[in-house]
Amino acid sequence: ASSGFRRHHRAFMSYIVGAARSAIAKGKPDGILSSTHHPVDLMAKVLEGLVTQAGVPKGAVDDVICGVVTPLGKQGANVGRLATLKAGFPAETPGVQLNRMCGSGQQAINFASAGVLAGDYEVAIGCGVEMMGTVQMGSDTDLFNKE
């Protein structure tokens, strides 16, 4: 998408121009967020708030990279892409989900920054979501079973 955010030269710096987060709640099956929110809904609200606060048009975002630990059930099926669509970004705006365990959100920010530095993106969002009350930590593996 063409916008005033586009430059005609390669970027040599990467800047964080906004930060947003959801409310903090205790991650348990009967916690306040467990029945009232889906991870996609939660991430969509954060994405909407972020672009509003930063003053960046949704159409100027080249990619949304979302870190998600335990990507199954409600946190599966590419939360990054689904939250981007739910937040009203253009259908052409891609979104991806990655899992780097406890560092997933940080890795998403690193990948977004690297894409800007490489000249692949001008505007990218690195983000993360995890709802431990909905998808329990470790439920995507049997590595810790002692059977």
C-alpha atoms as a PDB file:
ATOM      1  CA  ALA A   1       0.000   0.000   0.000  1.00  0.00           C
ATOM      2  CA  SER A   2       1.319   3.402  -0.927  1.00  0.00           C
ATOM      3  CA  SER A   3       1.274   6.117   1.729  1.00  0.00           C
ATOM      4  CA  GLY A   4       3.214   9.058   3.103  1.00  0.00           C
ATOM      5  CA  PHE A   5       5.138   6.563   5.219  1.00  0.00           C
ATOM      6  CA  ARG A   6       6.911   5.134   2.175  1.00  0.00           C
ATOM      7  CA  ARG A   7      10.474   6.138   1.438  1.00  0.00           C
ATOM      8  CA  HIS A   8      12.363   5.645  -1.788  1.00  0.00           C
ATOM      9  CA  HIS A   9      15.612   4.576  -0.160  1.00  0.00           C
ATOM     10  CA  ARG A  10      16.774   1.778   2.088  1.00  0.00           C
ATOM     11  CA  ALA A  11      16.254   2.238   5.836  1.00  0.00           C
ATOM     12  CA  PHE A  12      19.357   2.237   8.015  1.00  0.00           C
ATOM     13  CA  MET A  13      17.594   2.798  11.311  1.00  0.00           C
ATOM     14  CA  SER A  14      14.701   1.087  12.990  1.00  0.00           C
ATOM     15  CA  TYR A  15      12.584   3.016  15.486  1.00  0.00           C
ATOM     16  CA  ILE A  16       9.907   2.017  17.944  1.00  0.00           C
ATOM     17  CA  VAL A  17       7.190   4.639  17.468  1.00  0.00           C
ATOM     18  CA  GLY A  18       4.545   3.227  19.792  1.00  0.00           C
ATOM     19  CA  ALA A  19       3.824   0.665  22.458  1.00  0.00           C
ATOM     20  CA  ALA A  20       0.545  -0.732  23.742  1.00  0.00           C
ATOM     21  CA  ARG A  21      -0.557  -3.605  25.927  1.00  0.00           C
ATOM     22  CA  SER A  22      -3.703  -5.152  27.295  1.00  0.00           C
ATOM     23  CA  ALA A  23      -4.812  -5.110  30.881  1.00  0.00           C
ATOM     24  CA  ILE A  24      -2.970  -7.525  33.151  1.00  0.00           C
ATOM     25  CA  ALA A  25      -4.950 -10.360  34.686  1.00  0.00           C
ATOM     26  CA  LYS A  26      -4.107 -13.549  36.516  1.00  0.00           C
ATOM     27  CA  GLY A  27      -3.695 -16.464  34.106  1.00  0.00           C
ATOM     28  CA  LYS A  28      -6.006 -19.134  35.444  1.00  0.00           C
ATOM     29  CA  PRO A  29      -8.964 -21.064  34.014  1.00  0.00           C
ATOM     30  CA  ASP A  30     -11.498 -18.971  35.951  1.00  0.00           C
ATOM     31  CA  GLY A  31      -9.594 -15.676  35.581  1.00  0.00           C
ATOM     32  CA  ILE A  32     -11.244 -12.481  34.384  1.00  0.00           C
ATOM     33  CA  LEU A  33     -10.057 -12.895  30.781  1.00  0.00           C
ATOM     34  CA  SER A  34     -10.672 -16.640  30.433  1.00  0.00           C
ATOM     35  CA  SER A  35     -14.309 -16.515  29.387  1.00  0.00           C
ATOM     36  CA  THR A  36     -14.647 -12.937  28.185  1.00  0.00           C
ATOM     37  CA  HIS A  37     -11.873 -12.740  25.610  1.00  0.00           C
ATOM     38  CA  HIS A  38     -10.351 -14.800  22.867  1.00  0.00           C
ATOM     39  CA  PRO A  39      -6.620 -14.227  22.183  1.00  0.00           C
ATOM     40  CA  VAL A  40      -7.531 -12.916  18.711  1.00  0.00           C
ATOM     41  CA  ASP A  41      -9.966 -10.384  20.228  1.00  0.00           C
ATOM     42  CA  LEU A  42      -7.429  -9.308  22.832  1.00  0.00           C
ATOM     43  CA  MET A  43      -4.628  -8.858  20.270  1.00  0.00           C
ATOM     44  CA  ALA A  44      -6.957  -7.024  17.850  1.00  0.00           C
ATOM     45  CA  LYS A  45      -7.806  -4.425  20.516  1.00  0.00           C
ATOM     46  CA  VAL A  46      -4.116  -3.900  21.276  1.00  0.00           C
ATOM     47  CA  LEU A  47      -3.308  -3.514  17.554  1.00  0.00           C
ATOM     48  CA  GLU A  48      -6.110  -0.966  17.130  1.00  0.00           C
ATOM     49  CA  GLY A  49      -4.856   0.998  20.131  1.00  0.00           C
ATOM     50  CA  LEU A  50      -1.268   0.871  18.935  1.00  0.00           C
ATOM     51  CA  VAL A  51      -1.852   2.316  15.461  1.00  0.00           C
ATOM     52  CA  THR A  52      -4.193   4.960  16.870  1.00  0.00           C
ATOM     53  CA  GLN A  53      -1.666   6.030  19.505  1.00  0.00           C
ATOM     54  CA  ALA A  54       1.241   6.026  17.036  1.00  0.00           C
ATOM     55  CA  GLY A  55      -0.747   7.840  14.345  1.00  0.00           C
ATOM     56  CA  VAL A  56       0.056   5.202  11.742  1.00  0.00           C
ATOM     57  CA  PRO A  57      -2.612   4.377   9.162  1.00  0.00           C
ATOM     58  CA  LYS A  58      -3.475   0.667   9.137  1.00  0.00           C
ATOM     59  CA  GLY A  59      -2.760   0.563   5.403  1.00  0.00           C
ATOM     60  CA  ALA A  60       0.841   1.684   5.987  1.00  0.00           C
ATOM     61  CA  VAL A  61       1.706  -1.444   8.013  1.00  0.00           C
ATOM     62  CA  ASP A  62       3.744  -3.893   5.929  1.00  0.00           C
ATOM     63  CA  ASP A  63       3.528  -6.869   8.314  1.00  0.00           C
ATOM     64  CA  VAL A  64       2.306  -7.898  11.768  1.00  0.00           C
ATOM     65  CA  ILE A  65       4.569 -10.435  13.473  1.00  0.00           C
ATOM     66  CA  CYS A  66       2.981 -11.948  16.565  1.00  0.00           C
ATOM     67  CA  GLY A  67       4.694 -14.121  19.156  1.00  0.00           C
ATOM     68  CA  VAL A  68       2.400 -16.752  20.659  1.00  0.00           C
ATOM     69  CA  VAL A  69       3.505 -19.377  23.169  1.00  0.00           C
ATOM     70  CA  THR A  70       1.586 -22.657  23.077  1.00  0.00           C
ATOM     71  CA  PRO A  71       0.033 -22.110  19.643  1.00  0.00           C
ATOM     72  CA  LEU A  72      -2.906 -24.486  19.772  1.00  0.00           C
ATOM     73  CA  GLY A  73      -6.615 -24.292  20.419  1.00  0.00           C
ATOM     74  CA  LYS A  74      -7.652 -20.651  20.776  1.00  0.00           C
ATOM     75  CA  GLN A  75      -4.032 -19.560  20.321  1.00  0.00           C
ATOM     76  CA  GLY A  76      -3.559 -21.583  17.133  1.00  0.00           C
ATOM     77  CA  ALA A  77      -4.517 -20.900  13.519  1.00  0.00           C
ATOM     78  CA  ASN A  78      -2.242 -17.828  13.172  1.00  0.00           C
ATOM     79  CA  VAL A  79      -3.362 -15.310  15.796  1.00  0.00           C
ATOM     80  CA  GLY A  80      -1.200 -12.644  14.106  1.00  0.00           C
ATOM     81  CA  ARG A  81      -3.137 -12.818  10.850  1.00  0.00           C
ATOM     82  CA  LEU A  82      -6.588 -13.223  12.418  1.00  0.00           C
ATOM     83  CA  ALA A  83      -6.065 -10.333  14.870  1.00  0.00           C
ATOM     84  CA  THR A  84      -4.851  -8.120  12.025  1.00  0.00           C
ATOM     85  CA  LEU A  85      -8.049  -8.802  10.088  1.00  0.00           C
ATOM     86  CA  LYS A  86     -10.267  -8.424  13.170  1.00  0.00           C
ATOM     87  CA  ALA A  87      -8.602  -5.068  13.954  1.00  0.00           C
ATOM     88  CA  GLY A  88      -9.651  -3.775  10.537  1.00  0.00           C
ATOM     89  CA  PHE A  89      -6.306  -3.743   8.751  1.00  0.00           C
ATOM     90  CA  PRO A  90      -6.561  -4.124   4.967  1.00  0.00           C
ATOM     91  CA  ALA A  91      -6.813  -7.733   3.778  1.00  0.00           C
ATOM     92  CA  GLU A  92      -3.460  -7.191   2.010  1.00  0.00           C
ATOM     93  CA  THR A  93      -1.658  -6.666   5.344  1.00  0.00           C
ATOM     94  CA  PRO A  94       0.008  -9.962   6.228  1.00  0.00           C
ATOM     95  CA  GLY A  95       0.257 -11.372   9.716  1.00  0.00           C
ATOM     96  CA  VAL A  96       2.292 -14.267  11.041  1.00  0.00           C
ATOM     97  CA  GLN A  97       2.585 -16.160  14.294  1.00  0.00           C
ATOM     98  CA  LEU A  98       5.798 -17.478  15.817  1.00  0.00           C
ATOM     99  CA  ASN A  99       6.701 -19.425  18.939  1.00  0.00           C
ATOM    100  CA  ARG A 100       9.994 -18.863  20.707  1.00  0.00           C
ATOM    101  CA  MET A 101       8.626 -19.917  24.093  1.00  0.00           C
ATOM    102  CA  CYS A 102       9.003 -17.161  26.724  1.00  0.00           C
ATOM    103  CA  GLY A 103      10.754 -14.876  24.236  1.00  0.00           C
ATOM    104  CA  SER A 104       8.074 -14.971  21.517  1.00  0.00           C
ATOM    105  CA  GLY A 105       6.964 -11.334  21.775  1.00  0.00           C
ATOM    106  CA  GLN A 106      10.556 -10.108  21.951  1.00  0.00           C
ATOM    107  CA  GLN A 107      11.491 -12.220  18.923  1.00  0.00           C
ATOM    108  CA  ALA A 108       8.543 -10.784  17.011  1.00  0.00           C
ATOM    109  CA  ILE A 109       9.843  -7.267  17.715  1.00  0.00           C
ATOM    110  CA  ASN A 110      13.352  -8.336  16.640  1.00  0.00           C
ATOM    111  CA  PHE A 111      12.047  -9.782  13.356  1.00  0.00           C
ATOM    112  CA  ALA A 112       9.990  -6.638  12.663  1.00  0.00           C
ATOM    113  CA  SER A 113      13.041  -4.453  13.291  1.00  0.00           C
ATOM    114  CA  ALA A 114      15.261  -6.677  11.126  1.00  0.00           C
ATOM    115  CA  GLY A 115      12.733  -6.402   8.292  1.00  0.00           C
ATOM    116  CA  VAL A 116      12.844  -2.612   8.520  1.00  0.00           C
ATOM    117  CA  LEU A 117      16.651  -2.590   8.580  1.00  0.00           C
ATOM    118  CA  ALA A 118      16.788  -4.924   5.568  1.00  0.00           C
ATOM    119  CA  GLY A 119      14.531  -2.590   3.632  1.00  0.00           C
ATOM    120  CA  ASP A 120      11.725  -5.165   3.373  1.00  0.00           C
ATOM    121  CA  TYR A 121       9.366  -3.094   5.531  1.00  0.00           C
ATOM    122  CA  GLU A 122       8.947   0.526   6.329  1.00  0.00           C
ATOM    123  CA  VAL A 123       6.369  -0.058   9.056  1.00  0.00           C
ATOM    124  CA  ALA A 124       6.066  -3.369  10.876  1.00  0.00           C
ATOM    125  CA  ILE A 125       4.447  -4.389  14.136  1.00  0.00           C
ATOM    126  CA  GLY A 126       6.096  -6.841  16.500  1.00  0.00           C
ATOM    127  CA  CYS A 127       3.715  -8.060  19.185  1.00  0.00           C
ATOM    128  CA  GLY A 128       2.761 -11.011  21.341  1.00  0.00           C
ATOM    129  CA  VAL A 129      -0.176 -12.571  23.125  1.00  0.00           C
ATOM    130  CA  GLU A 130      -0.621 -15.395  25.598  1.00  0.00           C
ATOM    131  CA  MET A 131      -3.691 -16.279  27.604  1.00  0.00           C
ATOM    132  CA  MET A 132      -2.601 -18.909  30.112  1.00  0.00           C
ATOM    133  CA  GLY A 133      -6.117 -19.160  31.509  1.00  0.00           C
ATOM    134  CA  THR A 134      -7.323 -20.374  28.126  1.00  0.00           C
ATOM    135  CA  VAL A 135      -4.393 -22.474  26.933  1.00  0.00           C
ATOM    136  CA  GLN A 136      -2.289 -23.905  29.737  1.00  0.00           C
ATOM    137  CA  MET A 137       1.500 -23.614  29.526  1.00  0.00           C
ATOM    138  CA  GLY A 138       3.064 -26.823  28.214  1.00  0.00           C
ATOM    139  CA  SER A 139      -0.175 -28.201  26.773  1.00  0.00           C
ATOM    140  CA  ASP A 140       1.420 -28.378  23.324  1.00  0.00           C
ATOM    141  CA  THR A 141       3.932 -31.027  24.360  1.00  0.00           C
ATOM    142  CA  ASP A 142       4.207 -34.223  26.363  1.00  0.00           C
ATOM    143  CA  LEU A 143       7.890 -33.566  27.010  1.00  0.00           C
ATOM    144  CA  PHE A 144       7.308 -33.146  30.755  1.00  0.00           C
ATOM    145  CA  ASN A 145       5.083 -36.186  31.296  1.00  0.00           C
ATOM    146  CA  LYS A 146       6.773 -38.656  33.654  1.00  0.00           C
ATOM    147  CA  GLU A 147       5.008 -41.791  32.353  1.00  0.00           C
END
